[in-house]
Amino acid sequence: MTHLVPLAEVDENKVTPGVLGFIVFAVMALAVWGLMKSMSKQMNKVDFKEAPDPTAESEAGAVESKAKQG
């Protein structure tokens, strides 16, 4: 039973974050969670399929036709 006595002692000189530190950490965690949720929603809206460039196709066709002629 004597080995539990040191656990019950409170050191008055020990610095801890306390309730304010917990509140600040919790607010920051909620902010990060909200930002990640918003970013995920925005990334789902993005269409990663690129539309074909009509000028590139006409240029590629012109190069191929010149190569066949030349």
Protein backbone atom coordinates (compact mmCIF):
# COMPACT_ATOMS: atom_id res chain seq x y z
CA MET A 1 0.00 0.00 0.00
CA THR A 2 2.92 2.35 0.54
CA HIS A 3 3.86 2.31 -3.15
CA LEU A 4 0.60 4.16 -4.00
CA VAL A 5 1.37 7.14 -1.76
CA PRO A 6 3.65 8.95 -4.28
CA LEU A 7 0.81 8.87 -6.86
CA ALA A 8 -1.48 10.85 -4.56
CA GLU A 9 0.97 13.70 -3.98
CA VAL A 10 0.52 16.90 -5.96
CA ASP A 11 3.60 18.94 -6.73
CA GLU A 12 2.70 22.65 -6.48
CA ASN A 13 5.86 23.64 -8.44
CA LYS A 14 4.94 21.56 -11.48
CA VAL A 15 3.69 23.51 -14.48
CA THR A 16 0.83 21.95 -16.43
CA PRO A 17 -1.29 23.26 -19.31
CA GLY A 18 -4.49 23.04 -17.28
CA VAL A 19 -8.01 23.57 -18.51
CA LEU A 20 -7.12 26.53 -20.73
CA GLY A 21 -4.51 24.44 -22.56
CA PHE A 22 -7.07 21.70 -23.12
CA ILE A 23 -9.65 24.17 -24.44
CA VAL A 24 -7.14 25.74 -26.85
CA PHE A 25 -6.06 22.30 -28.07
CA ALA A 26 -9.68 21.19 -28.52
CA VAL A 27 -10.54 24.33 -30.52
CA MET A 28 -7.50 23.84 -32.75
CA ALA A 29 -8.42 20.18 -33.29
CA LEU A 30 -11.98 21.15 -34.27
CA ALA A 31 -10.65 23.81 -36.65
CA VAL A 32 -8.34 21.31 -38.36
CA TRP A 33 -11.19 18.80 -38.61
CA GLY A 34 -13.45 21.43 -40.19
CA LEU A 35 -10.76 22.49 -42.65
CA MET A 36 -10.08 18.89 -43.68
CA LYS A 37 -13.80 18.26 -44.19
CA SER A 38 -14.11 21.40 -46.31
CA MET A 39 -11.01 20.49 -48.35
CA SER A 40 -12.38 17.01 -48.95
CA LYS A 41 -15.66 18.47 -50.20
CA GLN A 42 -13.83 20.86 -52.54
CA MET A 43 -11.56 18.10 -53.89
CA ASN A 44 -14.60 15.95 -54.67
CA LYS A 45 -15.95 18.77 -56.86
CA VAL A 46 -12.79 18.85 -59.00
CA ASP A 47 -12.94 16.98 -62.30
CA PHE A 48 -9.47 15.66 -63.02
CA LYS A 49 -10.30 14.60 -66.59
CA GLU A 50 -8.77 17.09 -68.95
CA ALA A 51 -10.78 18.16 -71.97
CA PRO A 52 -8.99 17.57 -75.26
CA ASP A 53 -7.45 20.68 -76.75
CA PRO A 54 -8.89 21.19 -80.26
CA THR A 55 -5.88 23.24 -81.41
CA ALA A 56 -3.49 20.48 -80.38
CA GLU A 57 -5.45 17.92 -82.40
CA SER A 58 -5.44 20.08 -85.54
CA GLU A 59 -1.71 20.78 -85.16
CA ALA A 60 -0.99 17.07 -84.65
CA GLY A 61 -3.03 16.25 -87.76
CA ALA A 62 -1.14 18.88 -89.76
CA VAL A 63 2.22 17.49 -88.63
CA GLU A 64 1.18 13.94 -89.53
CA SER A 65 -0.08 14.98 -92.97
CA LYS A 66 3.18 16.87 -93.66
CA ALA A 67 5.18 13.83 -92.55
CA LYS A 68 3.23 11.58 -94.92
CA GLN A 69 3.69 14.03 -97.80
CA GLY A 70 7.32 14.74 -97.14
